[in-house]
Amino acid sequence: MEQDLVVNEVFGPTVQGEGRSMGRRCAFLRLGGCNLSCTWCDTPYTWDWTGVSDSGVAHDPRQELHRRPVADVLAELLAFGTDLIVISGGEPLGQQERLIPLVRALVEHGKEIEIETNGTHAAHPDLVAAGVRFNVSPKLSHSGDPEHRRIVPDALENLAALPGSTFKFVCRDTRDLDEVSGLVSAFELSSVWIMPIGRTADDVTRHLSALADAVVERGWNLTTRLHTLVWDDKRAV
């Protein structure tokens, strides 16, 4: 029996702001809940009910989270008329069994699907079979979470073995790149992307400038945060 999804927001049309599909027109499904608590999280309203993130705001789950039937979410996403659907969070793979009916229906309508995940959950085989692409963003030590929570070897090995997976690391400056290098080597990660930390356009640009040369030198890919450059810290864009 299908279960409702716990949704934070659905919005579009917009563009994918990060990684290999940056700039592509898309619609977003943002799910609620996360198993991590990154201090710098740019979507604390999906999980931070006590004000532990840098925002210091205790968000109200009664306002932010909504139980919605799959059929309703499907209809809203299809109405945007985009070829690409991005499923984000929070941590969407915390609800991945509930996502399977939605993903199957979207694929039947010819949609491409990317799921943004923190890499602590192995992907459900049914999502893999549906052709979902996984944008995996393992968290570094500056996130504030202990390593045993943010680095789950079995999950990373599962995701690294999937065709089309990319690995995106949020970095502040070149000192973070050594930590990334350790994870890339330990888990034999390919398609590595480095993204600057920042909730505002000025912050993103400053950190991007500090990282760019070293990222290129290491042979990795560089991504900005396009949605932040365009709309700053505005939600649902």
C-alpha atoms as a PDB file:
ATOM      1  CA  MET A   1       0.000   0.000   0.000  1.00  0.00           C
ATOM      2  CA  GLU A   2       1.322   3.425  -0.919  1.00  0.00           C
ATOM      3  CA  GLN A   3       2.221   5.723   1.943  1.00  0.00           C
ATOM      4  CA  ASP A   4       2.082   9.503   1.939  1.00  0.00           C
ATOM      5  CA  LEU A   5       5.290  11.421   1.407  1.00  0.00           C
ATOM      6  CA  VAL A   6       6.473  13.877   4.065  1.00  0.00           C
ATOM      7  CA  VAL A   7       6.958  16.971   1.915  1.00  0.00           C
ATOM      8  CA  ASN A   8       8.513  20.320   2.721  1.00  0.00           C
ATOM      9  CA  GLU A   9       7.841  22.062  -0.591  1.00  0.00           C
ATOM     10  CA  VAL A  10       7.253  21.512  -4.294  1.00  0.00           C
ATOM     11  CA  PHE A  11       8.288  24.256  -6.701  1.00  0.00           C
ATOM     12  CA  GLY A  12       9.201  25.092 -10.284  1.00  0.00           C
ATOM     13  CA  PRO A  13       9.911  25.693 -12.983  1.00  0.00           C
ATOM     14  CA  THR A  14      13.399  26.654 -11.860  1.00  0.00           C
ATOM     15  CA  VAL A  15      16.916  25.516 -12.661  1.00  0.00           C
ATOM     16  CA  GLN A  16      19.173  22.934 -11.072  1.00  0.00           C
ATOM     17  CA  GLY A  17      21.655  25.108  -9.227  1.00  0.00           C
ATOM     18  CA  GLU A  18      24.488  22.657  -8.609  1.00  0.00           C
ATOM     19  CA  GLY A  19      26.622  19.942 -10.143  1.00  0.00           C
ATOM     20  CA  ARG A  20      26.593  18.332 -13.564  1.00  0.00           C
ATOM     21  CA  SER A  21      23.059  19.500 -14.453  1.00  0.00           C
ATOM     22  CA  MET A  22      23.595  23.087 -13.303  1.00  0.00           C
ATOM     23  CA  GLY A  23      21.446  25.479 -15.303  1.00  0.00           C
ATOM     24  CA  ARG A  24      19.001  22.861 -16.555  1.00  0.00           C
ATOM     25  CA  ARG A  25      15.328  23.756 -16.278  1.00  0.00           C
ATOM     26  CA  CYS A  26      13.667  21.525 -13.697  1.00  0.00           C
ATOM     27  CA  ALA A  27      11.104  21.169 -10.929  1.00  0.00           C
ATOM     28  CA  PHE A  28      11.953  20.408  -7.305  1.00  0.00           C
ATOM     29  CA  LEU A  29      10.415  18.108  -4.738  1.00  0.00           C
ATOM     30  CA  ARG A  30      11.923  18.887  -1.342  1.00  0.00           C
ATOM     31  CA  LEU A  31      11.193  16.259   1.298  1.00  0.00           C
ATOM     32  CA  GLY A  32      11.297  16.770   5.041  1.00  0.00           C
ATOM     33  CA  GLY A  33      13.574  15.231   7.645  1.00  0.00           C
ATOM     34  CA  CYS A  34      17.292  14.562   7.794  1.00  0.00           C
ATOM     35  CA  ASN A  35      19.519  12.169   9.738  1.00  0.00           C
ATOM     36  CA  LEU A  36      22.336  14.727   9.902  1.00  0.00           C
ATOM     37  CA  SER A  37      22.532  18.197  11.439  1.00  0.00           C
ATOM     38  CA  CYS A  38      25.059  20.207   9.436  1.00  0.00           C
ATOM     39  CA  THR A  39      25.669  23.532  11.127  1.00  0.00           C
ATOM     40  CA  TRP A  40      25.829  25.386   7.788  1.00  0.00           C
ATOM     41  CA  CYS A  41      22.809  23.652   6.203  1.00  0.00           C
ATOM     42  CA  ASP A  42      21.009  25.872   3.686  1.00  0.00           C
ATOM     43  CA  THR A  43      17.677  24.099   4.230  1.00  0.00           C
ATOM     44  CA  PRO A  44      17.430  23.891   8.042  1.00  0.00           C
ATOM     45  CA  TYR A  45      13.673  24.365   7.754  1.00  0.00           C
ATOM     46  CA  THR A  46      13.444  20.718   6.642  1.00  0.00           C
ATOM     47  CA  TRP A  47      14.803  19.300   9.905  1.00  0.00           C
ATOM     48  CA  ASP A  48      15.990  21.825  12.515  1.00  0.00           C
ATOM     49  CA  TRP A  49      13.247  22.010  15.119  1.00  0.00           C
ATOM     50  CA  THR A  50      15.523  23.181  17.979  1.00  0.00           C
ATOM     51  CA  GLY A  51      17.735  25.873  16.411  1.00  0.00           C
ATOM     52  CA  VAL A  52      21.011  23.913  16.409  1.00  0.00           C
ATOM     53  CA  SER A  53      22.114  25.069  12.933  1.00  0.00           C
ATOM     54  CA  ASP A  54      23.931  28.329  12.275  1.00  0.00           C
ATOM     55  CA  SER A  55      20.607  30.004  11.490  1.00  0.00           C
ATOM     56  CA  GLY A  56      19.712  29.693  15.169  1.00  0.00           C
ATOM     57  CA  VAL A  57      16.046  29.386  14.204  1.00  0.00           C
ATOM     58  CA  ALA A  58      13.878  26.631  15.649  1.00  0.00           C
ATOM     59  CA  HIS A  59      11.574  25.845  12.745  1.00  0.00           C
ATOM     60  CA  ASP A  60       8.096  24.471  13.339  1.00  0.00           C
ATOM     61  CA  PRO A  61       7.531  21.020  11.788  1.00  0.00           C
ATOM     62  CA  ARG A  62       3.777  21.664  11.850  1.00  0.00           C
ATOM     63  CA  GLN A  63       4.374  24.516   9.433  1.00  0.00           C
ATOM     64  CA  GLU A  64       7.168  22.973   7.358  1.00  0.00           C
ATOM     65  CA  LEU A  65       6.144  19.338   6.895  1.00  0.00           C
ATOM     66  CA  HIS A  66       3.059  18.132   5.066  1.00  0.00           C
ATOM     67  CA  ARG A  67       1.869  14.557   4.490  1.00  0.00           C
ATOM     68  CA  ARG A  68       0.851  14.349   0.837  1.00  0.00           C
ATOM     69  CA  PRO A  69      -0.420  11.465  -1.307  1.00  0.00           C
ATOM     70  CA  VAL A  70       1.863  10.379  -4.126  1.00  0.00           C
ATOM     71  CA  ALA A  71      -0.832  11.100  -6.709  1.00  0.00           C
ATOM     72  CA  ASP A  72      -1.093  14.731  -5.614  1.00  0.00           C
ATOM     73  CA  VAL A  73       2.676  15.254  -5.687  1.00  0.00           C
ATOM     74  CA  LEU A  74       2.886  13.609  -9.103  1.00  0.00           C
ATOM     75  CA  ALA A  75       0.210  15.881 -10.564  1.00  0.00           C
ATOM     76  CA  GLU A  76       1.889  19.004  -9.221  1.00  0.00           C
ATOM     77  CA  LEU A  77       5.312  18.029 -10.575  1.00  0.00           C
ATOM     78  CA  LEU A  78       3.949  17.129 -14.016  1.00  0.00           C
ATOM     79  CA  ALA A  79       2.123  20.454 -14.231  1.00  0.00           C
ATOM     80  CA  PHE A  80       5.458  22.314 -14.311  1.00  0.00           C
ATOM     81  CA  GLY A  81       6.238  20.755 -17.689  1.00  0.00           C
ATOM     82  CA  THR A  82       9.972  20.201 -17.071  1.00  0.00           C
ATOM     83  CA  ASP A  83      12.007  17.293 -18.391  1.00  0.00           C
ATOM     84  CA  LEU A  84      14.060  17.060 -15.195  1.00  0.00           C
ATOM     85  CA  ILE A  85      12.744  16.460 -11.666  1.00  0.00           C
ATOM     86  CA  VAL A  86      15.130  16.974  -8.731  1.00  0.00           C
ATOM     87  CA  ILE A  87      14.251  15.283  -5.428  1.00  0.00           C
ATOM     88  CA  SER A  88      16.030  16.856  -2.498  1.00  0.00           C
ATOM     89  CA  GLY A  89      15.643  17.495   1.216  1.00  0.00           C
ATOM     90  CA  GLY A  90      16.497  17.162   3.991  1.00  0.00           C
ATOM     91  CA  GLU A  91      17.575  13.644   3.186  1.00  0.00           C
ATOM     92  CA  PRO A  92      15.216  12.112   0.609  1.00  0.00           C
ATOM     93  CA  LEU A  93      16.571   8.569   0.877  1.00  0.00           C
ATOM     94  CA  GLY A  94      15.170   8.473   4.394  1.00  0.00           C
ATOM     95  CA  GLN A  95      11.832   8.061   2.580  1.00  0.00           C
ATOM     96  CA  GLN A  96      13.055   6.100  -0.415  1.00  0.00           C
ATOM     97  CA  GLU A  97      10.593   3.209  -0.197  1.00  0.00           C
ATOM     98  CA  ARG A  98       7.758   5.736  -0.241  1.00  0.00           C
ATOM     99  CA  LEU A  99       9.378   7.419  -3.250  1.00  0.00           C
ATOM    100  CA  ILE A 100       9.309   4.323  -5.462  1.00  0.00           C
ATOM    101  CA  PRO A 101       5.706   4.726  -6.744  1.00  0.00           C
ATOM    102  CA  LEU A 102       6.298   8.404  -7.511  1.00  0.00           C
ATOM    103  CA  VAL A 103       9.580   7.746  -9.325  1.00  0.00           C
ATOM    104  CA  ARG A 104       8.051   4.976 -11.401  1.00  0.00           C
ATOM    105  CA  ALA A 105       5.168   7.225 -12.422  1.00  0.00           C
ATOM    106  CA  LEU A 106       7.488  10.092 -13.328  1.00  0.00           C
ATOM    107  CA  VAL A 107       9.618   7.789 -15.473  1.00  0.00           C
ATOM    108  CA  GLU A 108       6.491   6.536 -17.237  1.00  0.00           C
ATOM    109  CA  HIS A 109       5.811  10.186 -18.130  1.00  0.00           C
ATOM    110  CA  GLY A 110       9.297  10.491 -19.650  1.00  0.00           C
ATOM    111  CA  LYS A 111      10.908  12.459 -16.833  1.00  0.00           C
ATOM    112  CA  GLU A 112      14.575  12.358 -15.845  1.00  0.00           C
ATOM    113  CA  ILE A 113      15.123  12.171 -12.097  1.00  0.00           C
ATOM    114  CA  GLU A 114      18.014  13.226  -9.911  1.00  0.00           C
ATOM    115  CA  ILE A 115      18.085  12.577  -6.184  1.00  0.00           C
ATOM    116  CA  GLU A 116      20.284  14.695  -3.929  1.00  0.00           C
ATOM    117  CA  THR A 117      21.539  12.606  -1.005  1.00  0.00           C
ATOM    118  CA  ASN A 118      24.095  12.926   1.784  1.00  0.00           C
ATOM    119  CA  GLY A 119      25.423   9.422   1.088  1.00  0.00           C
ATOM    120  CA  THR A 120      24.433   7.756   4.349  1.00  0.00           C
ATOM    121  CA  HIS A 121      21.785   5.476   2.790  1.00  0.00           C
ATOM    122  CA  ALA A 122      22.339   2.802   0.157  1.00  0.00           C
ATOM    123  CA  ALA A 123      20.031   3.242  -2.828  1.00  0.00           C
ATOM    124  CA  HIS A 124      16.950   1.042  -3.065  1.00  0.00           C
ATOM    125  CA  PRO A 125      17.262  -1.341  -6.036  1.00  0.00           C
ATOM    126  CA  ASP A 126      13.896  -0.196  -7.407  1.00  0.00           C
ATOM    127  CA  LEU A 127      15.137   3.398  -7.655  1.00  0.00           C
ATOM    128  CA  VAL A 128      18.279   2.215  -9.379  1.00  0.00           C
ATOM    129  CA  ALA A 129      16.232   0.103 -11.816  1.00  0.00           C
ATOM    130  CA  ALA A 130      14.098   3.167 -12.620  1.00  0.00           C
ATOM    131  CA  GLY A 131      17.194   4.996 -13.843  1.00  0.00           C
ATOM    132  CA  VAL A 132      17.480   7.584 -11.063  1.00  0.00           C
ATOM    133  CA  ARG A 133      20.766   9.513 -11.027  1.00  0.00           C
ATOM    134  CA  PHE A 134      22.230  10.103  -7.592  1.00  0.00           C
ATOM    135  CA  ASN A 135      24.021  13.335  -6.672  1.00  0.00           C
ATOM    136  CA  VAL A 136      25.868  12.302  -3.527  1.00  0.00           C
ATOM    137  CA  SER A 137      27.147  14.938  -1.114  1.00  0.00           C
ATOM    138  CA  PRO A 138      29.146  13.347   1.724  1.00  0.00           C
ATOM    139  CA  LYS A 139      29.687  15.803   4.548  1.00  0.00           C
ATOM    140  CA  LEU A 140      33.100  16.889   5.741  1.00  0.00           C
ATOM    141  CA  SER A 141      34.206  17.457   9.335  1.00  0.00           C
ATOM    142  CA  HIS A 142      33.284  21.164   9.208  1.00  0.00           C
ATOM    143  CA  SER A 143      29.611  20.111   9.085  1.00  0.00           C
ATOM    144  CA  GLY A 144      29.788  19.507  12.834  1.00  0.00           C
ATOM    145  CA  ASP A 145      28.525  15.919  12.760  1.00  0.00           C
ATOM    146  CA  PRO A 146      30.814  13.112  13.988  1.00  0.00           C
ATOM    147  CA  GLU A 147      32.386  10.947  11.304  1.00  0.00           C
ATOM    148  CA  HIS A 148      30.417   7.809  12.197  1.00  0.00           C
ATOM    149  CA  ARG A 149      27.175   9.650  11.427  1.00  0.00           C
ATOM    150  CA  ARG A 150      28.184  11.381   8.199  1.00  0.00           C
ATOM    151  CA  ILE A 151      30.400   8.694   6.592  1.00  0.00           C
ATOM    152  CA  VAL A 152      28.686   5.314   6.150  1.00  0.00           C
ATOM    153  CA  PRO A 153      31.074   3.070   4.183  1.00  0.00           C
ATOM    154  CA  ASP A 154      28.516   0.528   2.974  1.00  0.00           C
ATOM    155  CA  ALA A 155      26.249   3.282   1.656  1.00  0.00           C
ATOM    156  CA  LEU A 156      29.064   5.155  -0.100  1.00  0.00           C
ATOM    157  CA  GLU A 157      30.343   1.941  -1.697  1.00  0.00           C
ATOM    158  CA  ASN A 158      26.825   1.166  -2.930  1.00  0.00           C
ATOM    159  CA  LEU A 159      26.347   4.622  -4.425  1.00  0.00           C
ATOM    160  CA  ALA A 160      29.847   4.743  -5.918  1.00  0.00           C
ATOM    161  CA  ALA A 161      29.139   1.517  -7.841  1.00  0.00           C
ATOM    162  CA  LEU A 162      26.033   2.920  -9.545  1.00  0.00           C
ATOM    163  CA  PRO A 163      26.286   4.230 -13.105  1.00  0.00           C
ATOM    164  CA  GLY A 164      25.890   7.990 -13.267  1.00  0.00           C
ATOM    165  CA  SER A 165      26.528   8.785  -9.602  1.00  0.00           C
ATOM    166  CA  THR A 166      28.366  12.025  -8.919  1.00  0.00           C
ATOM    167  CA  PHE A 167      30.013  13.112  -5.682  1.00  0.00           C
ATOM    168  CA  LYS A 168      29.703  16.740  -4.616  1.00  0.00           C
ATOM    169  CA  PHE A 169      31.625  18.150  -1.648  1.00  0.00           C
ATOM    170  CA  VAL A 170      30.851  21.450   0.066  1.00  0.00           C
ATOM    171  CA  CYS A 171      34.145  23.205   0.814  1.00  0.00           C
ATOM    172  CA  ARG A 172      35.222  26.462   2.419  1.00  0.00           C
ATOM    173  CA  ASP A 173      38.813  26.720   1.188  1.00  0.00           C
ATOM    174  CA  THR A 174      41.720  24.616  -0.043  1.00  0.00           C
ATOM    175  CA  ARG A 175      42.305  23.083   3.395  1.00  0.00           C
ATOM    176  CA  ASP A 176      39.112  21.063   2.939  1.00  0.00           C
ATOM    177  CA  LEU A 177      40.393  19.494  -0.277  1.00  0.00           C
ATOM    178  CA  ASP A 178      42.784  17.143   1.549  1.00  0.00           C
ATOM    179  CA  GLU A 179      39.817  15.687   3.436  1.00  0.00           C
ATOM    180  CA  VAL A 180      37.965  15.262   0.135  1.00  0.00           C
ATOM    181  CA  SER A 181      41.015  13.547  -1.345  1.00  0.00           C
ATOM    182  CA  GLY A 182      41.015  11.013   1.488  1.00  0.00           C
ATOM    183  CA  LEU A 183      37.395  10.087   0.816  1.00  0.00           C
ATOM    184  CA  VAL A 184      37.930   9.942  -2.955  1.00  0.00           C
ATOM    185  CA  SER A 185      40.798   7.510  -2.456  1.00  0.00           C
ATOM    186  CA  ALA A 186      39.152   5.419   0.256  1.00  0.00           C
ATOM    187  CA  PHE A 187      35.956   4.839  -1.722  1.00  0.00           C
ATOM    188  CA  GLU A 188      37.363   5.106  -5.269  1.00  0.00           C
ATOM    189  CA  LEU A 189      34.977   7.935  -6.107  1.00  0.00           C
ATOM    190  CA  SER A 190      34.707   9.232  -9.636  1.00  0.00           C
ATOM    191  CA  SER A 191      32.915  12.273 -11.068  1.00  0.00           C
ATOM    192  CA  VAL A 192      33.990  14.502  -8.174  1.00  0.00           C
ATOM    193  CA  TRP A 193      32.592  18.020  -7.906  1.00  0.00           C
ATOM    194  CA  ILE A 194      33.667  20.723  -5.459  1.00  0.00           C
ATOM    195  CA  MET A 195      31.101  23.337  -4.469  1.00  0.00           C
ATOM    196  CA  PRO A 196      31.729  26.465  -2.371  1.00  0.00           C
ATOM    197  CA  ILE A 197      29.901  26.883   0.888  1.00  0.00           C
ATOM    198  CA  GLY A 198      27.626  29.904   1.144  1.00  0.00           C
ATOM    199  CA  ARG A 199      24.046  31.020   1.664  1.00  0.00           C
ATOM    200  CA  THR A 200      24.511  34.352  -0.120  1.00  0.00           C
ATOM    201  CA  ALA A 201      25.857  35.280  -3.534  1.00  0.00           C
ATOM    202  CA  ASP A 202      28.810  37.153  -1.983  1.00  0.00           C
ATOM    203  CA  ASP A 203      29.791  34.152   0.165  1.00  0.00           C
ATOM    204  CA  VAL A 204      29.564  31.743  -2.762  1.00  0.00           C
ATOM    205  CA  THR A 205      31.706  33.960  -4.990  1.00  0.00           C
ATOM    206  CA  ARG A 206      34.344  34.492  -2.297  1.00  0.00           C
ATOM    207  CA  HIS A 207      34.733  30.782  -1.520  1.00  0.00           C
ATOM    208  CA  LEU A 208      34.610  29.849  -5.210  1.00  0.00           C
ATOM    209  CA  SER A 209      37.542  32.153  -5.918  1.00  0.00           C
ATOM    210  CA  ALA A 210      39.516  30.617  -3.071  1.00  0.00           C
ATOM    211  CA  LEU A 211      38.928  27.065  -4.358  1.00  0.00           C
ATOM    212  CA  ALA A 212      39.000  27.256  -8.142  1.00  0.00           C
ATOM    213  CA  ASP A 213      42.692  26.922  -9.021  1.00  0.00           C
ATOM    214  CA  ALA A 214      43.333  24.089  -6.561  1.00  0.00           C
ATOM    215  CA  VAL A 215      40.272  22.149  -7.720  1.00  0.00           C
ATOM    216  CA  VAL A 216      41.336  22.328 -11.354  1.00  0.00           C
ATOM    217  CA  GLU A 217      44.875  21.310 -10.387  1.00  0.00           C
ATOM    218  CA  ARG A 218      43.589  18.192  -8.632  1.00  0.00           C
ATOM    219  CA  GLY A 219      41.633  17.124 -11.709  1.00  0.00           C
ATOM    220  CA  TRP A 220      38.180  17.558 -10.198  1.00  0.00           C
ATOM    221  CA  ASN A 221      35.112  19.443 -11.389  1.00  0.00           C
ATOM    222  CA  LEU A 222      34.004  22.804 -10.007  1.00  0.00           C
ATOM    223  CA  THR A 223      30.431  23.910  -9.512  1.00  0.00           C
ATOM    224  CA  THR A 224      29.002  27.128  -8.201  1.00  0.00           C
ATOM    225  CA  ARG A 225      25.562  27.481  -6.587  1.00  0.00           C
ATOM    226  CA  LEU A 226      23.685  29.081  -9.449  1.00  0.00           C
ATOM    227  CA  HIS A 227      20.396  29.495  -7.595  1.00  0.00           C
ATOM    228  CA  THR A 228      22.190  31.376  -4.811  1.00  0.00           C
ATOM    229  CA  LEU A 229      23.955  33.669  -7.279  1.00  0.00           C
ATOM    230  CA  VAL A 230      20.633  34.480  -8.937  1.00  0.00           C
ATOM    231  CA  TRP A 231      18.149  34.519  -6.046  1.00  0.00           C
ATOM    232  CA  ASP A 232      20.460  34.746  -2.995  1.00  0.00           C
ATOM    233  CA  ASP A 233      18.910  33.036   0.058  1.00  0.00           C
ATOM    234  CA  LYS A 234      15.339  33.030  -1.222  1.00  0.00           C
ATOM    235  CA  ARG A 235      13.311  29.853  -0.757  1.00  0.00           C
ATOM    236  CA  ALA A 236      11.366  27.854  -3.361  1.00  0.00           C
ATOM    237  CA  VAL A 237      13.253  29.091  -6.430  1.00  0.00           C
END
